Amino acid sequence: MNYFSQNPLNRFSELRPDEARIRQFWQQENVAVLVVNDSSNLFTDTDQVVMPATLNAEQSARLQKTAHTCVYLGTVDNVPYFVLGFEAMEEQLNNDLGSSFQFLDLKGVALELPQEQSSILAYARGIVHWNMRHRHCPDCGSLTASLEAGHVRQCSNSTCGKLHFPRTDAAVIMLISEGDSCLLGRQAGWPKGQYATLAGFLEPGETLEQAVAREAKEETGVALKHINYHSSQPWPFPGSIMIGFTAVAQNRNLQVNYNEMEDARWFTREEIIAGLRAGTFRLPTKVSISYRLIRDWFNAMPGYDLEEVQAQAVSQ
């Protein structure tokens, strides 16, 4: 499965309106409280091993008083999980928590964590971001109040009173192939030599398949055929879901839109191998669905194993 897609929590969405029940969850001795500040999750740094920080009720009592949002995430193995969300308070939080804690970007440490833990942290990151960005009603601008354990916000203006729900932006991401090659592109600012699959956001009034074809045409001039669903990945950085596809190009004619990307090229498997060994080619991070799309295409040819090639390149 893709990273961040193995969330083990029972979300108990039917219990969210029950404030008394949510308070009972908070009062359990084994409650696990996560913390998110801006775009970073809280971790412990014990013996140089990074682990997600889960505070108990006593440790988090002071933080709860200053938190901008508090959300019930769900329960697993009778352990209720909550997250406290903050904005621009890292220095104060570090003073309150002590030196054994640190805030880190989840994408940078996810490979070191069990998949289930990274999935819970990603969920926490996403729901906090939504709450923090909807503290004012998008309809009338009035302040909103948190309802249903942090999963609904309601406008405080009595003449408006609109309810607002968490949103997830759909993005398509695609491995395009033709013959023995795949099409990869890069954005300015990426590490030197790094290439990844093409991607883009779904626009109003189009299907996912239409978005795949449009993005490929807009970015590279390539027309597609045989567009097929591959898999999806939660990507709450800040609030997206990546919907993966494979597609076959009608030809290899490129007309790269340099306003959209820095470069796009066709790569054979042998070119990828040579680039990895020479250190002139880099793949996207393994936590991304982009990596999995490339790996699955690469490994579909008998005798090819991308992770084995990478391991050999590192050992050189």
Protein backbone atom coordinates (compact mmCIF):
# COMPACT_ATOMS: atom_id res chain seq x y z
CA MET A 1 0.00 0.00 0.00
CA ASN A 2 1.04 3.60 -0.48
CA TYR A 3 2.47 5.59 2.41
CA PHE A 4 -0.03 7.36 4.68
CA SER A 5 -2.80 4.98 3.55
CA GLN A 6 -2.72 2.49 6.44
CA ASN A 7 -4.56 4.42 9.14
CA PRO A 8 -5.71 1.85 11.75
CA LEU A 9 -8.03 4.20 13.67
CA ASN A 10 -11.74 3.59 13.96
CA ARG A 11 -12.88 7.17 13.43
CA PHE A 12 -16.24 6.62 15.20
CA SER A 13 -17.78 9.41 13.15
CA GLU A 14 -21.20 8.60 14.60
CA LEU A 15 -19.91 9.55 18.09
CA ARG A 16 -18.48 12.95 17.16
CA PRO A 17 -21.67 14.91 17.99
CA ASP A 18 -21.78 13.29 21.45
CA GLU A 19 -19.75 15.78 23.51
CA ALA A 20 -20.08 13.72 26.69
CA ARG A 21 -18.66 10.65 24.99
CA ILE A 22 -15.78 12.62 23.51
CA ARG A 23 -14.97 13.95 27.01
CA GLN A 24 -14.93 10.36 28.26
CA PHE A 25 -12.39 9.50 25.59
CA TRP A 26 -10.24 12.45 26.68
CA GLN A 27 -10.40 11.36 30.31
CA GLN A 28 -9.20 7.80 29.64
CA GLU A 29 -5.86 7.06 31.32
CA ASN A 30 -4.42 5.71 28.08
CA VAL A 31 -5.43 8.69 25.90
CA ALA A 32 -2.81 9.53 23.25
CA VAL A 33 -2.49 13.23 22.37
CA LEU A 34 -0.58 14.34 19.28
CA VAL A 35 0.59 17.89 18.61
CA VAL A 36 0.84 19.75 15.30
CA ASN A 37 2.30 23.24 14.95
CA ASP A 38 2.01 24.85 11.53
CA SER A 39 3.07 22.11 9.12
CA SER A 40 5.09 20.04 11.59
CA ASN A 41 4.30 17.10 13.86
CA LEU A 42 5.72 16.65 17.34
CA PHE A 43 8.31 13.88 17.82
CA THR A 44 10.44 12.60 20.65
CA ASP A 45 14.19 12.33 20.13
CA THR A 46 15.35 9.66 22.53
CA ASP A 47 18.70 7.93 21.95
CA GLN A 48 18.77 9.50 18.48
CA VAL A 49 15.66 7.52 17.48
CA VAL A 50 12.83 9.68 16.16
CA MET A 51 9.41 8.53 17.32
CA PRO A 52 5.98 10.20 17.25
CA ALA A 53 5.27 12.01 20.50
CA THR A 54 2.07 10.91 22.21
CA LEU A 55 1.30 12.92 25.31
CA ASN A 56 -0.99 11.76 28.09
CA ALA A 57 -3.80 13.84 29.56
CA GLU A 58 -1.60 15.34 32.28
CA GLN A 59 1.18 16.30 29.86
CA SER A 60 -1.25 17.89 27.45
CA ALA A 61 -3.53 19.66 29.97
CA ARG A 62 -1.58 22.92 29.83
CA LEU A 63 -1.28 22.76 26.05
CA GLN A 64 -5.00 22.21 25.65
CA LYS A 65 -5.67 25.63 27.23
CA THR A 66 -3.69 27.42 24.51
CA ALA A 67 -4.40 25.15 21.54
CA HIS A 68 -6.07 26.72 18.55
CA THR A 69 -7.93 23.50 17.85
CA CYS A 70 -8.52 20.09 19.42
CA VAL A 71 -9.69 17.18 17.31
CA TYR A 72 -10.71 13.64 18.18
CA LEU A 73 -9.09 11.43 15.53
CA GLY A 74 -10.38 7.99 16.47
CA THR A 75 -9.56 4.93 18.54
CA VAL A 76 -7.44 1.83 18.05
CA ASP A 77 -6.95 -0.98 20.59
CA ASN A 78 -9.09 1.03 23.04
CA VAL A 79 -6.64 3.96 22.83
CA PRO A 80 -8.37 7.23 21.88
CA TYR A 81 -6.27 9.60 19.79
CA PHE A 82 -6.58 13.39 19.83
CA VAL A 83 -4.52 16.12 18.19
CA LEU A 84 -3.90 19.63 19.46
CA GLY A 85 -3.24 22.18 16.72
CA PHE A 86 -1.19 25.36 16.97
CA GLU A 87 0.03 28.08 14.66
CA ALA A 88 3.35 29.96 14.93
CA MET A 89 3.97 28.73 18.48
CA GLU A 90 6.99 26.45 18.09
CA GLU A 91 9.24 28.44 20.45
CA GLN A 92 6.62 28.57 23.21
CA LEU A 93 5.77 24.90 22.76
CA ASN A 94 9.44 23.93 22.93
CA ASN A 95 9.73 25.83 26.22
CA ASP A 96 6.64 24.10 27.61
CA LEU A 97 7.58 20.62 26.45
CA GLY A 98 11.33 20.50 27.02
CA SER A 99 14.35 19.46 25.00
CA SER A 100 13.33 15.83 24.48
CA PHE A 101 10.72 16.90 21.91
CA GLN A 102 11.08 18.44 18.47
CA PHE A 103 8.85 19.46 15.58
CA LEU A 104 9.64 17.84 12.23
CA ASP A 105 8.19 17.66 8.73
CA LEU A 106 6.51 14.26 8.51
CA LYS A 107 7.51 13.79 4.86
CA GLY A 108 11.17 13.89 5.90
CA VAL A 109 10.95 11.16 8.55
CA ALA A 110 8.10 8.93 7.36
CA LEU A 111 10.49 6.27 6.03
CA GLU A 112 11.78 5.77 9.59
CA LEU A 113 8.31 5.14 11.02
CA PRO A 114 5.90 2.20 10.92
CA GLN A 115 3.34 2.79 8.20
CA GLU A 116 0.40 2.88 10.59
CA GLN A 117 2.02 5.57 12.75
CA SER A 118 2.89 7.75 9.77
CA SER A 119 -0.70 7.41 8.54
CA ILE A 120 -2.12 8.64 11.84
CA LEU A 121 0.30 11.59 11.87
CA ALA A 122 -0.65 12.50 8.31
CA TYR A 123 -4.34 12.43 9.23
CA ALA A 124 -3.61 14.66 12.25
CA ARG A 125 -1.65 17.08 10.08
CA GLY A 126 -4.45 17.33 7.53
CA ILE A 127 -7.35 17.87 9.90
CA VAL A 128 -5.44 20.50 11.88
CA HIS A 129 -4.61 22.38 8.70
CA TRP A 130 -8.27 22.44 7.69
CA ASN A 131 -9.37 23.73 11.10
CA MET A 132 -6.68 26.42 11.16
CA ARG A 133 -7.61 27.65 7.68
CA HIS A 134 -11.34 27.81 8.40
CA ARG A 135 -11.45 29.84 11.58
CA HIS A 136 -13.47 32.40 9.59
CA CYS A 137 -16.56 31.63 7.57
CA PRO A 138 -15.77 31.65 3.83
CA ASP A 139 -19.33 32.86 3.18
CA CYS A 140 -19.52 35.95 5.43
CA GLY A 141 -16.13 36.25 7.17
CA SER A 142 -17.42 35.77 10.73
CA LEU A 143 -15.58 33.58 13.22
CA THR A 144 -16.40 29.87 13.18
CA ALA A 145 -16.75 27.48 16.10
CA SER A 146 -15.56 23.88 16.19
CA LEU A 147 -18.25 21.18 16.32
CA GLU A 148 -18.38 17.39 16.22
CA ALA A 149 -14.98 16.87 17.85
CA GLY A 150 -13.20 19.09 15.34
CA HIS A 151 -14.71 17.73 12.12
CA VAL A 152 -17.25 20.51 11.50
CA ARG A 153 -17.02 24.28 11.86
CA GLN A 154 -20.08 26.52 12.12
CA CYS A 155 -20.32 30.22 11.39
CA SER A 156 -21.02 32.24 14.54
CA ASN A 157 -23.11 34.80 12.65
CA SER A 158 -26.75 33.98 13.44
CA THR A 159 -27.90 35.27 10.06
CA CYS A 160 -25.46 32.93 8.33
CA GLY A 161 -24.80 29.91 10.54
CA LYS A 162 -23.31 27.88 7.68
CA LEU A 163 -21.75 24.53 8.46
CA HIS A 164 -18.35 23.85 6.90
CA PHE A 165 -16.79 20.41 6.49
CA PRO A 166 -13.21 19.24 5.87
CA ARG A 167 -12.23 19.33 2.23
CA THR A 168 -9.71 17.31 0.30
CA ASP A 169 -8.37 18.55 -3.03
CA ALA A 170 -8.17 15.85 -5.70
CA ALA A 171 -4.97 15.65 -7.72
CA VAL A 172 -4.12 13.20 -10.49
CA ILE A 173 -0.65 11.75 -10.91
CA MET A 174 0.35 9.52 -13.81
CA LEU A 175 3.05 7.25 -15.12
CA ILE A 176 3.04 7.73 -18.89
CA SER A 177 4.83 5.15 -21.01
CA GLU A 178 5.45 4.49 -24.67
CA GLY A 179 7.32 1.43 -25.80
CA ASP A 180 10.32 0.89 -23.51
CA SER A 181 10.31 4.40 -22.02
CA CYS A 182 8.44 6.42 -19.42
CA LEU A 183 7.88 10.18 -19.34
CA LEU A 184 9.19 12.05 -16.31
CA GLY A 185 9.47 15.74 -15.50
CA ARG A 186 11.06 18.02 -12.95
CA GLN A 187 10.23 21.31 -11.29
CA ALA A 188 12.67 24.14 -10.72
CA GLY A 189 13.96 24.01 -7.17
CA TRP A 190 14.01 20.22 -6.93
CA PRO A 191 17.31 18.53 -6.05
CA LYS A 192 19.66 18.32 -9.02
CA GLY A 193 18.83 15.39 -11.30
CA GLN A 194 15.49 14.54 -9.65
CA TYR A 195 12.62 13.57 -11.92
CA ALA A 196 9.10 12.38 -11.10
CA THR A 197 5.80 11.53 -12.72
CA LEU A 198 3.54 14.28 -14.03
CA ALA A 199 0.72 15.51 -11.78
CA GLY A 200 -1.91 18.20 -11.46
CA PHE A 201 -5.15 19.18 -9.76
CA LEU A 202 -8.60 18.18 -10.91
CA GLU A 203 -10.58 21.10 -12.31
CA PRO A 204 -14.34 21.67 -11.94
CA GLY A 205 -16.45 19.79 -14.44
CA GLU A 206 -13.93 17.17 -15.55
CA THR A 207 -13.42 13.50 -14.84
CA LEU A 208 -10.23 12.13 -13.37
CA GLU A 209 -9.31 10.61 -16.73
CA GLN A 210 -9.88 13.94 -18.46
CA ALA A 211 -7.62 15.63 -15.92
CA VAL A 212 -4.87 13.09 -16.64
CA ALA A 213 -5.09 13.74 -20.37
CA ARG A 214 -5.30 17.53 -19.93
CA GLU A 215 -2.33 17.78 -17.59
CA ALA A 216 -0.15 15.64 -19.87
CA LYS A 217 -1.08 17.76 -22.88
CA GLU A 218 -0.64 21.07 -21.04
CA GLU A 219 2.73 20.22 -19.52
CA THR A 220 4.40 18.18 -22.26
CA GLY A 221 2.22 18.28 -25.39
CA VAL A 222 1.79 14.49 -25.22
CA ALA A 223 -1.56 12.97 -26.19
CA LEU A 224 -2.63 9.87 -24.25
CA LYS A 225 -4.53 6.65 -24.74
CA HIS A 226 -5.35 3.71 -22.46
CA ILE A 227 -5.67 5.68 -19.21
CA ASN A 228 -6.08 3.27 -16.27
CA TYR A 229 -6.48 3.72 -12.52
CA HIS A 230 -3.53 2.49 -10.42
CA SER A 231 -4.02 3.44 -6.75
CA SER A 232 -4.46 6.47 -4.50
CA GLN A 233 -2.62 8.09 -1.62
CA PRO A 234 -3.68 10.52 1.09
CA TRP A 235 -1.39 13.55 0.80
CA PRO A 236 -2.44 15.99 3.53
CA PHE A 237 0.44 18.38 2.83
CA PRO A 238 -1.66 20.40 3.20
CA GLY A 239 -4.93 18.81 2.03
CA SER A 240 -4.86 16.61 -1.05
CA ILE A 241 -5.41 13.08 -2.22
CA MET A 242 -3.21 11.83 -5.03
CA ILE A 243 -5.10 9.62 -7.49
CA GLY A 244 -2.63 7.56 -9.48
CA PHE A 245 -2.98 6.42 -13.08
CA THR A 246 -0.97 4.72 -15.77
CA ALA A 247 -1.34 5.79 -19.38
CA VAL A 248 0.15 5.09 -22.79
CA ALA A 249 1.25 7.97 -25.01
CA GLN A 250 0.22 8.11 -28.65
CA ASN A 251 3.79 9.14 -29.52
CA ARG A 252 6.96 10.56 -27.95
CA ASN A 253 6.71 14.04 -29.44
CA LEU A 254 7.42 16.53 -26.66
CA GLN A 255 6.45 20.19 -26.47
CA VAL A 256 7.46 21.00 -22.91
CA ASN A 257 5.63 23.91 -21.29
CA TYR A 258 8.54 25.57 -19.52
CA ASN A 259 6.13 27.78 -17.61
CA GLU A 260 4.82 24.62 -15.96
CA MET A 261 8.05 22.69 -15.45
CA GLU A 262 11.80 22.96 -15.86
CA ASP A 263 12.21 19.83 -17.98
CA ALA A 264 10.51 16.65 -19.18
CA ARG A 265 12.16 13.67 -20.83
CA TRP A 266 11.60 10.10 -21.91
CA PHE A 267 13.67 7.59 -19.91
CA THR A 268 14.34 3.95 -20.69
CA ARG A 269 15.00 1.54 -17.86
CA GLU A 270 18.65 1.36 -18.87
CA GLU A 271 18.93 5.16 -18.75
CA ILE A 272 17.45 5.16 -15.25
CA ILE A 273 19.91 2.48 -14.16
CA ALA A 274 22.86 4.37 -15.65
CA GLY A 275 21.75 7.65 -14.08
CA LEU A 276 21.30 6.11 -10.63
CA ARG A 277 24.72 4.47 -10.79
CA ALA A 278 26.40 7.66 -12.00
CA GLY A 279 24.59 9.83 -9.46
CA THR A 280 23.14 12.05 -12.21
CA PHE A 281 19.53 10.87 -11.81
CA ARG A 282 17.37 10.94 -8.69
CA LEU A 283 13.98 9.41 -8.05
CA PRO A 284 11.23 11.01 -5.95
CA THR A 285 11.05 10.09 -2.28
CA LYS A 286 9.83 6.59 -1.52
CA VAL A 287 6.96 7.99 0.56
CA SER A 288 5.29 9.36 -2.57
CA ILE A 289 2.96 7.53 -4.94
CA SER A 290 5.16 8.92 -7.73
CA TYR A 291 7.92 6.56 -6.64
CA ARG A 292 5.57 3.60 -6.57
CA LEU A 293 4.24 4.36 -10.06
CA ILE A 294 7.80 4.47 -11.42
CA ARG A 295 8.82 1.35 -9.51
CA ASP A 296 5.82 -0.66 -10.69
CA TRP A 297 6.46 0.32 -14.33
CA PHE A 298 10.19 -0.41 -14.00
CA ASN A 299 9.64 -3.81 -12.37
CA ALA A 300 6.97 -4.86 -14.88
CA MET A 301 9.75 -5.89 -17.26
CA PRO A 302 11.20 -9.30 -16.25
CA GLY A 303 14.69 -9.08 -14.81
CA TYR A 304 14.35 -5.51 -13.53
CA ASP A 305 14.14 -4.56 -9.84
CA LEU A 306 14.33 -0.84 -9.06
CA GLU A 307 15.07 -1.15 -5.35
CA GLU A 308 17.86 -3.62 -6.08
CA VAL A 309 19.36 -1.17 -8.57
CA GLN A 310 19.14 1.63 -6.00
CA ALA A 311 20.81 -0.51 -3.33
CA GLN A 312 23.64 -1.39 -5.73
CA ALA A 313 24.07 2.28 -6.66
CA VAL A 314 24.34 3.30 -3.00
CA SER A 315 26.91 0.57 -2.28
CA GLN A 316 29.24 1.66 -5.11
